[in-house]
Amino acid sequence: MADQPYAEVSTSELVALARGDDPAAWEALLDRFGGLVGSIVRGYGLSVHDAQDAEQTVWFNLAQHLSTLHTPERVGAWLATSAHNACRRQHRIARRTAPRDPALLDLADPRSPEAIHLAAERGDMVRQAIAALREPDRTIAYLELEEPRSPARTVAARTGLRPEEVPAARRRVRRRLQRLLGEANEEKGPQHDP
């Protein structure tokens, strides 16, 4: 850098010349502080593209704020702070836009549309059969769906039955549901495979 015209110029003078739109002064600023900015950016472990974005942001910010720097002799410290801020910003952006593993995304239902439709129909039939039950059988059926194998004390507390009556009530509910579902299937007619 000894053969360059700004090698011996102070940082304050270099900033003043760069403020005056001297391209050689800009090049001298880049030469003088480029290593500092680059080492700070590399220390953050950003991807190549994110690191380039951070460095460009630092130099762009300097171009925007060069005329308003209060202490031009401290432009190196200003660049270091700007580099740290730009790298932190790039880290935040990279975390928000990180690619996701497609396996973690919502996957399409592997079932055919017909299978999905039939499953929905079966669900509707079960709900209608449960709705046709009288209390406490309806509550027992819902409990069996929501919390299978609930303790007899829990079922008794929700239905008003005695705990020793719960096993017989469960069997009765299953028989009634099977009968109601069988009747619903008969009314619907034979199923055709698509």
N, C-alpha and C. Protein backbone atom coordinates (compact mmCIF):
# COMPACT_ATOMS: atom_id res chain seq x y z
N MET A 1 0.82 -1.19 0.00
CA MET A 1 0.00 0.00 0.00
C MET A 1 0.86 1.26 0.00
N ALA A 2 2.18 1.10 0.08
CA ALA A 2 3.09 2.24 0.12
C ALA A 2 3.06 3.04 -1.17
N ASP A 3 2.79 2.39 -2.30
CA ASP A 3 2.76 3.11 -3.56
C ASP A 3 1.40 3.74 -3.85
N GLN A 4 0.43 3.55 -2.97
CA GLN A 4 -0.89 4.15 -3.16
C GLN A 4 -0.88 5.56 -2.59
N PRO A 5 -1.66 6.46 -3.20
CA PRO A 5 -1.61 7.86 -2.78
C PRO A 5 -2.13 8.12 -1.37
N TYR A 6 -2.99 7.22 -0.82
CA TYR A 6 -3.60 7.48 0.48
C TYR A 6 -3.03 6.60 1.59
N ALA A 7 -1.90 5.97 1.36
CA ALA A 7 -1.34 5.06 2.35
C ALA A 7 -0.98 5.78 3.65
N GLU A 8 -0.51 6.99 3.56
CA GLU A 8 -0.06 7.72 4.75
C GLU A 8 -1.09 8.72 5.27
N VAL A 9 -2.24 8.77 4.65
CA VAL A 9 -3.27 9.74 5.05
C VAL A 9 -4.00 9.22 6.29
N SER A 10 -4.30 10.12 7.23
CA SER A 10 -5.01 9.71 8.44
C SER A 10 -6.44 9.30 8.09
N THR A 11 -7.04 8.55 9.00
CA THR A 11 -8.40 8.07 8.79
C THR A 11 -9.36 9.25 8.67
N SER A 12 -9.19 10.28 9.49
CA SER A 12 -10.07 11.46 9.43
C SER A 12 -9.99 12.12 8.07
N GLU A 13 -8.76 12.26 7.57
CA GLU A 13 -8.59 12.89 6.25
C GLU A 13 -9.17 12.01 5.15
N LEU A 14 -9.01 10.71 5.29
CA LEU A 14 -9.54 9.78 4.30
C LEU A 14 -11.07 9.86 4.24
N VAL A 15 -11.70 9.95 5.42
CA VAL A 15 -13.15 10.08 5.47
C VAL A 15 -13.57 11.40 4.82
N ALA A 16 -12.84 12.47 5.10
CA ALA A 16 -13.17 13.77 4.51
C ALA A 16 -13.06 13.71 2.99
N LEU A 17 -12.03 13.05 2.47
CA LEU A 17 -11.88 12.92 1.02
C LEU A 17 -13.00 12.06 0.43
N ALA A 18 -13.36 10.99 1.13
CA ALA A 18 -14.44 10.12 0.65
C ALA A 18 -15.77 10.86 0.65
N ARG A 19 -15.96 11.75 1.64
CA ARG A 19 -17.17 12.58 1.67
C ARG A 19 -17.23 13.49 0.44
N GLY A 20 -16.07 13.84 -0.06
CA GLY A 20 -15.99 14.70 -1.24
C GLY A 20 -16.08 13.92 -2.54
N ASP A 21 -16.57 12.68 -2.48
CA ASP A 21 -16.77 11.83 -3.65
C ASP A 21 -15.46 11.48 -4.37
N ASP A 22 -14.40 11.28 -3.61
CA ASP A 22 -13.12 10.86 -4.19
C ASP A 22 -13.10 9.33 -4.26
N PRO A 23 -13.19 8.73 -5.47
CA PRO A 23 -13.23 7.27 -5.58
C PRO A 23 -11.98 6.60 -5.03
N ALA A 24 -10.84 7.24 -5.16
CA ALA A 24 -9.61 6.65 -4.63
C ALA A 24 -9.65 6.60 -3.10
N ALA A 25 -10.30 7.60 -2.48
CA ALA A 25 -10.43 7.60 -1.02
C ALA A 25 -11.35 6.46 -0.58
N TRP A 26 -12.41 6.22 -1.36
CA TRP A 26 -13.29 5.08 -1.06
C TRP A 26 -12.51 3.77 -1.14
N GLU A 27 -11.72 3.62 -2.17
CA GLU A 27 -10.91 2.40 -2.33
C GLU A 27 -9.94 2.26 -1.15
N ALA A 28 -9.38 3.38 -0.72
CA ALA A 28 -8.45 3.34 0.42
C ALA A 28 -9.18 2.93 1.70
N LEU A 29 -10.42 3.42 1.89
CA LEU A 29 -11.21 3.00 3.06
C LEU A 29 -11.50 1.50 2.99
N LEU A 30 -11.86 1.02 1.81
CA LEU A 30 -12.11 -0.42 1.64
C LEU A 30 -10.85 -1.22 1.95
N ASP A 31 -9.70 -0.75 1.45
CA ASP A 31 -8.45 -1.46 1.71
C ASP A 31 -8.09 -1.44 3.19
N ARG A 32 -8.27 -0.30 3.81
CA ARG A 32 -7.86 -0.13 5.21
C ARG A 32 -8.75 -0.93 6.16
N PHE A 33 -10.05 -0.96 5.92
CA PHE A 33 -10.97 -1.58 6.88
C PHE A 33 -11.66 -2.85 6.36
N GLY A 34 -11.38 -3.23 5.14
CA GLY A 34 -12.00 -4.43 4.58
C GLY A 34 -11.64 -5.69 5.36
N GLY A 35 -10.40 -5.79 5.80
CA GLY A 35 -9.98 -6.96 6.59
C GLY A 35 -10.72 -7.03 7.92
N LEU A 36 -10.89 -5.88 8.56
CA LEU A 36 -11.61 -5.83 9.84
C LEU A 36 -13.06 -6.29 9.66
N VAL A 37 -13.73 -5.72 8.68
CA VAL A 37 -15.13 -6.09 8.44
C VAL A 37 -15.23 -7.57 8.07
N GLY A 38 -14.35 -8.02 7.17
CA GLY A 38 -14.37 -9.42 6.74
C GLY A 38 -14.14 -10.39 7.89
N SER A 39 -13.20 -10.07 8.78
CA SER A 39 -12.92 -10.99 9.89
C SER A 39 -14.10 -11.06 10.87
N ILE A 40 -14.76 -9.94 11.10
CA ILE A 40 -15.93 -9.95 11.99
C ILE A 40 -17.03 -10.80 11.37
N VAL A 41 -17.28 -10.60 10.09
CA VAL A 41 -18.34 -11.35 9.41
C VAL A 41 -18.02 -12.84 9.41
N ARG A 42 -16.78 -13.21 9.10
CA ARG A 42 -16.40 -14.63 9.10
C ARG A 42 -16.56 -15.26 10.47
N GLY A 43 -16.35 -14.48 11.51
CA GLY A 43 -16.48 -14.99 12.88
C GLY A 43 -17.89 -15.42 13.24
N TYR A 44 -18.88 -14.98 12.50
CA TYR A 44 -20.26 -15.35 12.79
C TYR A 44 -20.68 -16.66 12.14
N GLY A 45 -19.85 -17.22 11.28
CA GLY A 45 -20.17 -18.51 10.68
C GLY A 45 -21.38 -18.49 9.77
N LEU A 46 -21.61 -17.38 9.11
CA LEU A 46 -22.75 -17.28 8.19
C LEU A 46 -22.45 -18.05 6.91
N SER A 47 -23.49 -18.38 6.17
CA SER A 47 -23.28 -18.99 4.86
C SER A 47 -22.59 -17.97 3.96
N VAL A 48 -22.04 -18.43 2.86
CA VAL A 48 -21.31 -17.54 1.96
C VAL A 48 -22.20 -16.38 1.52
N HIS A 49 -23.41 -16.69 1.11
CA HIS A 49 -24.31 -15.64 0.63
C HIS A 49 -24.72 -14.68 1.74
N ASP A 50 -24.99 -15.21 2.93
CA ASP A 50 -25.36 -14.35 4.05
C ASP A 50 -24.19 -13.47 4.47
N ALA A 51 -22.98 -14.02 4.42
CA ALA A 51 -21.79 -13.24 4.77
C ALA A 51 -21.59 -12.11 3.76
N GLN A 52 -21.78 -12.41 2.48
CA GLN A 52 -21.66 -11.36 1.46
C GLN A 52 -22.72 -10.28 1.67
N ASP A 53 -23.94 -10.70 1.99
CA ASP A 53 -25.00 -9.72 2.26
C ASP A 53 -24.63 -8.83 3.45
N ALA A 54 -24.09 -9.44 4.50
CA ALA A 54 -23.72 -8.67 5.69
C ALA A 54 -22.63 -7.66 5.36
N GLU A 55 -21.60 -8.08 4.62
CA GLU A 55 -20.52 -7.15 4.26
C GLU A 55 -21.05 -6.02 3.39
N GLN A 56 -21.87 -6.34 2.42
CA GLN A 56 -22.43 -5.30 1.55
C GLN A 56 -23.28 -4.32 2.35
N THR A 57 -24.01 -4.85 3.34
CA THR A 57 -24.83 -3.99 4.19
C THR A 57 -23.96 -3.01 4.96
N VAL A 58 -22.83 -3.50 5.48
CA VAL A 58 -21.92 -2.63 6.25
C VAL A 58 -21.42 -1.49 5.38
N TRP A 59 -20.95 -1.81 4.18
CA TRP A 59 -20.39 -0.77 3.32
C TRP A 59 -21.49 0.17 2.80
N PHE A 60 -22.65 -0.36 2.56
CA PHE A 60 -23.78 0.48 2.14
C PHE A 60 -24.15 1.45 3.26
N ASN A 61 -24.18 0.94 4.50
CA ASN A 61 -24.49 1.81 5.65
C ASN A 61 -23.45 2.90 5.81
N LEU A 62 -22.18 2.56 5.57
CA LEU A 62 -21.14 3.59 5.66
C LEU A 62 -21.37 4.66 4.60
N ALA A 63 -21.70 4.24 3.39
CA ALA A 63 -21.95 5.23 2.33
C ALA A 63 -23.12 6.14 2.71
N GLN A 64 -24.13 5.59 3.34
CA GLN A 64 -25.29 6.40 3.74
C GLN A 64 -24.97 7.35 4.89
N HIS A 65 -24.12 6.91 5.82
CA HIS A 65 -23.90 7.68 7.05
C HIS A 65 -22.56 8.39 7.10
N LEU A 66 -21.79 8.30 6.05
CA LEU A 66 -20.45 8.90 6.05
C LEU A 66 -20.50 10.40 6.33
N SER A 67 -21.46 11.08 5.76
CA SER A 67 -21.54 12.53 5.94
C SER A 67 -22.01 12.93 7.33
N THR A 68 -22.57 11.99 8.09
CA THR A 68 -23.08 12.34 9.42
C THR A 68 -22.24 11.78 10.56
N LEU A 69 -21.10 11.15 10.24
CA LEU A 69 -20.24 10.61 11.31
C LEU A 69 -19.69 11.77 12.13
N HIS A 70 -19.87 11.69 13.46
CA HIS A 70 -19.40 12.77 14.34
C HIS A 70 -17.91 12.68 14.59
N THR A 71 -17.37 11.49 14.62
CA THR A 71 -15.94 11.31 14.87
C THR A 71 -15.35 10.45 13.75
N PRO A 72 -14.99 11.07 12.64
CA PRO A 72 -14.50 10.31 11.49
C PRO A 72 -13.27 9.45 11.79
N GLU A 73 -12.46 9.86 12.77
CA GLU A 73 -11.28 9.07 13.11
C GLU A 73 -11.65 7.72 13.72
N ARG A 74 -12.91 7.57 14.14
CA ARG A 74 -13.38 6.31 14.74
C ARG A 74 -14.23 5.50 13.76
N VAL A 75 -14.03 5.72 12.47
CA VAL A 75 -14.80 5.00 11.46
C VAL A 75 -14.56 3.49 11.57
N GLY A 76 -13.39 3.07 12.02
CA GLY A 76 -13.12 1.63 12.20
C GLY A 76 -14.04 1.02 13.26
N ALA A 77 -14.21 1.72 14.38
CA ALA A 77 -15.11 1.23 15.43
C ALA A 77 -16.56 1.24 14.93
N TRP A 78 -16.91 2.27 14.16
CA TRP A 78 -18.26 2.35 13.60
C TRP A 78 -18.49 1.17 12.66
N LEU A 79 -17.51 0.86 11.82
CA LEU A 79 -17.64 -0.27 10.89
C LEU A 79 -17.75 -1.60 11.66
N ALA A 80 -16.98 -1.74 12.74
CA ALA A 80 -17.04 -2.98 13.53
C ALA A 80 -18.43 -3.16 14.13
N THR A 81 -18.97 -2.09 14.71
CA THR A 81 -20.32 -2.17 15.28
C THR A 81 -21.34 -2.48 14.20
N SER A 82 -21.21 -1.83 13.07
CA SER A 82 -22.14 -2.07 11.96
C SER A 82 -22.03 -3.51 11.47
N ALA A 83 -20.81 -4.06 11.44
CA ALA A 83 -20.62 -5.45 11.00
C ALA A 83 -21.29 -6.42 11.98
N HIS A 84 -21.11 -6.19 13.26
CA HIS A 84 -21.77 -7.06 14.26
C HIS A 84 -23.29 -6.99 14.11
N ASN A 85 -23.82 -5.79 13.96
CA ASN A 85 -25.27 -5.63 13.81
C ASN A 85 -25.78 -6.32 12.54
N ALA A 86 -25.06 -6.15 11.44
CA ALA A 86 -25.48 -6.77 10.18
C ALA A 86 -25.45 -8.29 10.28
N CYS A 87 -24.45 -8.84 10.97
CA CYS A 87 -24.37 -10.30 11.12
C CYS A 87 -25.50 -10.83 11.99
N ARG A 88 -25.79 -10.13 13.06
CA ARG A 88 -26.91 -10.56 13.91
C ARG A 88 -28.22 -10.53 13.13
N ARG A 89 -28.40 -9.50 12.34
CA ARG A 89 -29.61 -9.39 11.52
C ARG A 89 -29.67 -10.55 10.52
N GLN A 90 -28.55 -10.88 9.88
CA GLN A 90 -28.52 -12.00 8.93
C GLN A 90 -28.83 -13.32 9.63
N HIS A 91 -28.33 -13.48 10.86
CA HIS A 91 -28.65 -14.71 11.63
C HIS A 91 -30.15 -14.82 11.87
N ARG A 92 -30.78 -13.71 12.27
CA ARG A 92 -32.23 -13.74 12.51
C ARG A 92 -32.99 -14.08 11.23
N ILE A 93 -32.59 -13.46 10.14
CA ILE A 93 -33.26 -13.73 8.86
C ILE A 93 -33.06 -15.18 8.45
N ALA A 94 -31.85 -15.69 8.62
CA ALA A 94 -31.56 -17.08 8.22
C ALA A 94 -32.38 -18.06 9.05
N ARG A 95 -32.57 -17.78 10.34
CA ARG A 95 -33.38 -18.68 11.17
C ARG A 95 -34.84 -18.68 10.72
N ARG A 96 -35.35 -17.50 10.35
CA ARG A 96 -36.75 -17.42 9.92
C ARG A 96 -36.98 -18.09 8.58
N THR A 97 -35.98 -18.06 7.72
CA THR A 97 -36.16 -18.58 6.37
C THR A 97 -35.44 -19.89 6.13
N ALA A 98 -35.03 -20.56 7.20
CA ALA A 98 -34.32 -21.83 7.04
C ALA A 98 -35.22 -22.85 6.36
N PRO A 99 -34.69 -23.57 5.38
CA PRO A 99 -35.52 -24.57 4.71
C PRO A 99 -35.93 -25.67 5.68
N ARG A 100 -37.10 -26.17 5.50
CA ARG A 100 -37.63 -27.22 6.37
C ARG A 100 -37.55 -28.55 5.66
N ASP A 101 -37.37 -29.59 6.44
CA ASP A 101 -37.37 -30.94 5.91
C ASP A 101 -38.77 -31.26 5.44
N PRO A 102 -38.93 -31.64 4.17
CA PRO A 102 -40.28 -31.93 3.67
C PRO A 102 -41.00 -33.01 4.49
N ALA A 103 -40.25 -33.89 5.13
CA ALA A 103 -40.88 -34.94 5.93
C ALA A 103 -41.61 -34.35 7.14
N LEU A 104 -41.20 -33.14 7.56
CA LEU A 104 -41.84 -32.51 8.72
C LEU A 104 -43.08 -31.71 8.34
N LEU A 105 -43.26 -31.48 7.05
CA LEU A 105 -44.42 -30.72 6.60
C LEU A 105 -45.65 -31.60 6.57
N ASP A 106 -46.80 -30.98 6.44
CA ASP A 106 -48.04 -31.75 6.34
C ASP A 106 -47.99 -32.63 5.11
N LEU A 107 -48.21 -33.88 5.32
CA LEU A 107 -48.20 -34.82 4.21
C LEU A 107 -49.63 -35.08 3.76
N ALA A 108 -49.75 -35.38 2.50
CA ALA A 108 -51.07 -35.71 1.97
C ALA A 108 -51.52 -37.03 2.57
N ASP A 109 -52.81 -37.16 2.75
CA ASP A 109 -53.38 -38.40 3.27
C ASP A 109 -53.14 -39.49 2.24
N PRO A 110 -52.47 -40.60 2.63
CA PRO A 110 -52.15 -41.64 1.65
C PRO A 110 -53.37 -42.43 1.19
N ARG A 111 -54.50 -42.26 1.87
CA ARG A 111 -55.69 -43.01 1.49
C ARG A 111 -56.32 -42.42 0.24
N SER A 112 -57.04 -43.24 -0.45
CA SER A 112 -57.74 -42.78 -1.64
C SER A 112 -58.93 -41.92 -1.22
N PRO A 113 -59.43 -41.09 -2.12
CA PRO A 113 -60.61 -40.28 -1.78
C PRO A 113 -61.80 -41.14 -1.36
N GLU A 114 -61.93 -42.30 -2.00
CA GLU A 114 -63.04 -43.19 -1.64
C GLU A 114 -62.91 -43.70 -0.22
N ALA A 115 -61.67 -44.07 0.16
CA ALA A 115 -61.44 -44.57 1.52
C ALA A 115 -61.70 -43.48 2.55
N ILE A 116 -61.30 -42.26 2.22
CA ILE A 116 -61.55 -41.13 3.13
C ILE A 116 -63.06 -40.91 3.29
N HIS A 117 -63.77 -40.97 2.18
CA HIS A 117 -65.23 -40.79 2.22
C HIS A 117 -65.91 -41.88 3.04
N LEU A 118 -65.49 -43.13 2.83
CA LEU A 118 -66.09 -44.24 3.58
C LEU A 118 -65.80 -44.12 5.08
N ALA A 119 -64.58 -43.70 5.42
CA ALA A 119 -64.24 -43.51 6.84
C ALA A 119 -65.10 -42.41 7.45
N ALA A 120 -65.33 -41.35 6.70
CA ALA A 120 -66.19 -40.26 7.20
C ALA A 120 -67.62 -40.75 7.39
N GLU A 121 -68.10 -41.56 6.46
CA GLU A 121 -69.45 -42.12 6.59
C GLU A 121 -69.56 -43.01 7.82
N ARG A 122 -68.53 -43.84 8.04
CA ARG A 122 -68.55 -44.71 9.23
C ARG A 122 -68.56 -43.87 10.50
N GLY A 123 -67.76 -42.80 10.51
CA GLY A 123 -67.76 -41.91 11.67
C GLY A 123 -69.11 -41.30 11.92
N ASP A 124 -69.77 -40.87 10.83
CA ASP A 124 -71.12 -40.31 10.97
C ASP A 124 -72.09 -41.35 11.52
N MET A 125 -71.98 -42.58 11.04
CA MET A 125 -72.88 -43.64 11.52
C MET A 125 -72.68 -43.90 13.01
N VAL A 126 -71.42 -43.91 13.45
CA VAL A 126 -71.14 -44.14 14.87
C VAL A 126 -71.70 -43.00 15.70
N ARG A 127 -71.51 -41.76 15.25
CA ARG A 127 -72.04 -40.60 15.99
C ARG A 127 -73.57 -40.66 16.07
N GLN A 128 -74.21 -41.02 14.98
CA GLN A 128 -75.67 -41.12 14.99
C GLN A 128 -76.15 -42.24 15.91
N ALA A 129 -75.41 -43.36 15.92
CA ALA A 129 -75.80 -44.47 16.80
C ALA A 129 -75.65 -44.07 18.26
N ILE A 130 -74.56 -43.37 18.59
CA ILE A 130 -74.36 -42.93 19.98
C ILE A 130 -75.45 -41.94 20.37
N ALA A 131 -75.79 -41.03 19.46
CA ALA A 131 -76.83 -40.04 19.75
C ALA A 131 -78.18 -40.70 19.99
N ALA A 132 -78.39 -41.88 19.41
CA ALA A 132 -79.67 -42.59 19.59
C ALA A 132 -79.77 -43.29 20.93
N LEU A 133 -78.64 -43.44 21.64
CA LEU A 133 -78.66 -44.10 22.95
C LEU A 133 -79.26 -43.17 23.99
N ARG A 134 -79.82 -43.77 25.04
CA ARG A 134 -80.33 -43.00 26.18
C ARG A 134 -79.21 -42.88 27.21
N GLU A 135 -79.39 -41.95 28.10
CA GLU A 135 -78.45 -41.81 29.22
C GLU A 135 -78.69 -42.94 30.20
N PRO A 136 -77.72 -43.45 30.88
CA PRO A 136 -76.30 -43.10 30.92
C PRO A 136 -75.49 -43.77 29.81
N ASP A 137 -76.15 -44.58 28.94
CA ASP A 137 -75.43 -45.31 27.89
C ASP A 137 -74.69 -44.35 26.95
N ARG A 138 -75.32 -43.22 26.60
CA ARG A 138 -74.67 -42.27 25.70
C ARG A 138 -73.37 -41.75 26.31
N THR A 139 -73.40 -41.39 27.58
CA THR A 139 -72.20 -40.88 28.25
C THR A 139 -71.13 -41.95 28.31
N ILE A 140 -71.52 -43.19 28.59
CA ILE A 140 -70.55 -44.28 28.63
C ILE A 140 -69.90 -44.45 27.25
N ALA A 141 -70.68 -44.39 26.18
CA ALA A 141 -70.14 -44.54 24.82
C ALA A 141 -69.15 -43.42 24.51
N TYR A 142 -69.51 -42.18 24.85
CA TYR A 142 -68.59 -41.06 24.60
C TYR A 142 -67.31 -41.21 25.42
N LEU A 143 -67.43 -41.64 26.67
CA LEU A 143 -66.24 -41.85 27.50
C LEU A 143 -65.35 -42.92 26.90
N GLU A 144 -65.94 -43.98 26.36
CA GLU A 144 -65.14 -45.05 25.75
C GLU A 144 -64.38 -44.53 24.53
N LEU A 145 -64.97 -43.59 23.81
CA LEU A 145 -64.28 -43.01 22.65
C LEU A 145 -63.17 -42.06 23.09
N GLU A 146 -63.47 -41.21 24.06
CA GLU A 146 -62.52 -40.19 24.49
C GLU A 146 -61.42 -40.75 25.38
N GLU A 147 -61.78 -41.61 26.32
CA GLU A 147 -60.83 -42.15 27.28
C GLU A 147 -61.06 -43.65 27.41
N PRO A 148 -60.60 -44.44 26.43
CA PRO A 148 -60.83 -45.89 26.50
C PRO A 148 -60.26 -46.47 27.79
N ARG A 149 -60.95 -47.44 28.32
CA ARG A 149 -60.55 -48.15 29.54
C ARG A 149 -60.44 -47.20 30.74
N SER A 150 -61.34 -46.23 30.80
CA SER A 150 -61.37 -45.35 31.97
C SER A 150 -61.69 -46.18 33.20
N PRO A 151 -61.14 -45.83 34.36
CA PRO A 151 -61.47 -46.56 35.58
C PRO A 151 -62.98 -46.50 35.85
N ALA A 152 -63.49 -47.55 36.44
CA ALA A 152 -64.92 -47.64 36.74
C ALA A 152 -65.36 -46.47 37.62
N ARG A 153 -64.48 -46.01 38.52
CA ARG A 153 -64.84 -44.88 39.39
C ARG A 153 -65.10 -43.61 38.56
N THR A 154 -64.28 -43.41 37.51
CA THR A 154 -64.46 -42.23 36.65
C THR A 154 -65.80 -42.30 35.92
N VAL A 155 -66.09 -43.47 35.34
CA VAL A 155 -67.35 -43.65 34.61
C VAL A 155 -68.52 -43.49 35.57
N ALA A 156 -68.40 -44.06 36.76
CA ALA A 156 -69.48 -43.97 37.75
C ALA A 156 -69.72 -42.51 38.14
N ALA A 157 -68.65 -41.76 38.33
CA ALA A 157 -68.79 -40.36 38.72
C ALA A 157 -69.48 -39.54 37.63
N ARG A 158 -69.23 -39.86 36.36
CA ARG A 158 -69.82 -39.11 35.25
C ARG A 158 -71.25 -39.54 34.93
N THR A 159 -71.62 -40.76 35.31
CA THR A 159 -72.93 -41.28 34.91
C THR A 159 -73.91 -41.43 36.07
N GLY A 160 -73.41 -41.41 37.29
CA GLY A 160 -74.30 -41.61 38.43
C GLY A 160 -74.49 -43.09 38.77
N LEU A 161 -73.81 -43.98 38.05
CA LEU A 161 -73.89 -45.41 38.36
C LEU A 161 -72.97 -45.73 39.53
N ARG A 162 -73.18 -46.90 40.12
CA ARG A 162 -72.24 -47.38 41.13
C ARG A 162 -71.07 -48.03 40.40
N PRO A 163 -69.85 -47.97 40.92
CA PRO A 163 -68.69 -48.54 40.23
C PRO A 163 -68.87 -50.01 39.85
N GLU A 164 -69.56 -50.80 40.68
CA GLU A 164 -69.73 -52.22 40.36
C GLU A 164 -70.71 -52.43 39.20
N GLU A 165 -71.51 -51.42 38.86
CA GLU A 165 -72.45 -51.53 37.74
C GLU A 165 -71.81 -51.20 36.38
N VAL A 166 -70.64 -50.57 36.41
CA VAL A 166 -70.02 -50.07 35.18
C VAL A 166 -69.66 -51.17 34.19
N PRO A 167 -69.02 -52.30 34.60
CA PRO A 167 -68.68 -53.33 33.59
C PRO A 167 -69.90 -53.85 32.83
N ALA A 168 -70.99 -54.11 33.53
CA ALA A 168 -72.21 -54.59 32.85
C ALA A 168 -72.78 -53.51 31.94
N ALA A 169 -72.71 -52.25 32.37
CA ALA A 169 -73.22 -51.14 31.55
C ALA A 169 -72.39 -51.00 30.28
N ARG A 170 -71.07 -51.17 30.39
CA ARG A 170 -70.21 -51.10 29.20
C ARG A 170 -70.58 -52.20 28.20
N ARG A 171 -70.78 -53.40 28.67
CA ARG A 171 -71.16 -54.50 27.77
C ARG A 171 -72.50 -54.20 27.10
N ARG A 172 -73.44 -53.69 27.88
CA ARG A 172 -74.76 -53.36 27.34
C ARG A 172 -74.64 -52.29 26.24
N VAL A 173 -73.82 -51.28 26.49
CA VAL A 173 -73.63 -50.20 25.50
C VAL A 173 -73.03 -50.75 24.22
N ARG A 174 -72.01 -51.62 24.35
CA ARG A 174 -71.40 -52.21 23.14
C ARG A 174 -72.42 -53.01 22.33
N ARG A 175 -73.24 -53.80 23.00
CA ARG A 175 -74.26 -54.59 22.29
C ARG A 175 -75.25 -53.68 21.57
N ARG A 176 -75.70 -52.64 22.25
CA ARG A 176 -76.67 -51.72 21.65
C ARG A 176 -76.07 -50.99 20.44
N LEU A 177 -74.81 -50.56 20.59
CA LEU A 177 -74.16 -49.89 19.47
C LEU A 177 -74.00 -50.83 18.28
N GLN A 178 -73.59 -52.07 18.54
CA GLN A 178 -73.46 -53.04 17.45
C GLN A 178 -74.80 -53.25 16.75
N ARG A 179 -75.86 -53.35 17.52
CA ARG A 179 -77.19 -53.53 16.93
C ARG A 179 -77.58 -52.32 16.09
N LEU A 180 -77.37 -51.11 16.65
CA LEU A 180 -77.73 -49.89 15.91
C LEU A 180 -76.90 -49.74 14.63
N LEU A 181 -75.62 -50.04 14.72
CA LEU A 181 -74.76 -49.94 13.53
C LEU A 181 -75.13 -50.99 12.50
N GLY A 182 -75.48 -52.20 12.96
CA GLY A 182 -75.93 -53.24 12.03
C GLY A 182 -77.19 -52.82 11.30
N GLU A 183 -78.13 -52.23 12.03
CA GLU A 183 -79.36 -51.75 11.40
C GLU A 183 -79.07 -50.64 10.39
N ALA A 184 -78.14 -49.75 10.74
CA ALA A 184 -77.80 -48.65 9.83
C ALA A 184 -77.17 -49.19 8.55
N ASN A 185 -76.32 -50.22 8.68
CA ASN A 185 -75.70 -50.83 7.50
C ASN A 185 -76.74 -51.50 6.62
N GLU A 186 -77.72 -52.16 7.24
CA GLU A 186 -78.77 -52.82 6.45
C GLU A 186 -79.61 -51.81 5.69
N GLU A 187 -79.91 -50.68 6.34
CA GLU A 187 -80.70 -49.64 5.68
C GLU A 187 -79.95 -49.03 4.51
N LYS A 188 -78.63 -48.92 4.66
CA LYS A 188 -77.81 -48.29 3.64
C LYS A 188 -77.66 -49.17 2.42
N GLY A 189 -77.71 -50.46 2.60
CA GLY A 189 -77.57 -51.38 1.48
C GLY A 189 -76.14 -51.83 1.32
N PRO A 190 -75.88 -52.71 0.34
CA PRO A 190 -74.53 -53.24 0.16
C PRO A 190 -73.58 -52.15 -0.34
N GLN A 191 -72.34 -52.25 0.11
CA GLN A 191 -71.29 -51.31 -0.30
C GLN A 191 -70.63 -51.83 -1.58
N HIS A 192 -70.38 -50.93 -2.48
CA HIS A 192 -69.70 -51.29 -3.73
C HIS A 192 -68.29 -50.76 -3.67
N ASP A 193 -67.33 -51.60 -4.01
CA ASP A 193 -65.95 -51.15 -4.06
C ASP A 193 -65.75 -50.36 -5.35
N PRO A 194 -65.14 -49.19 -5.26
CA PRO A 194 -64.94 -48.38 -6.46
C PRO A 194 -63.91 -48.97 -7.38
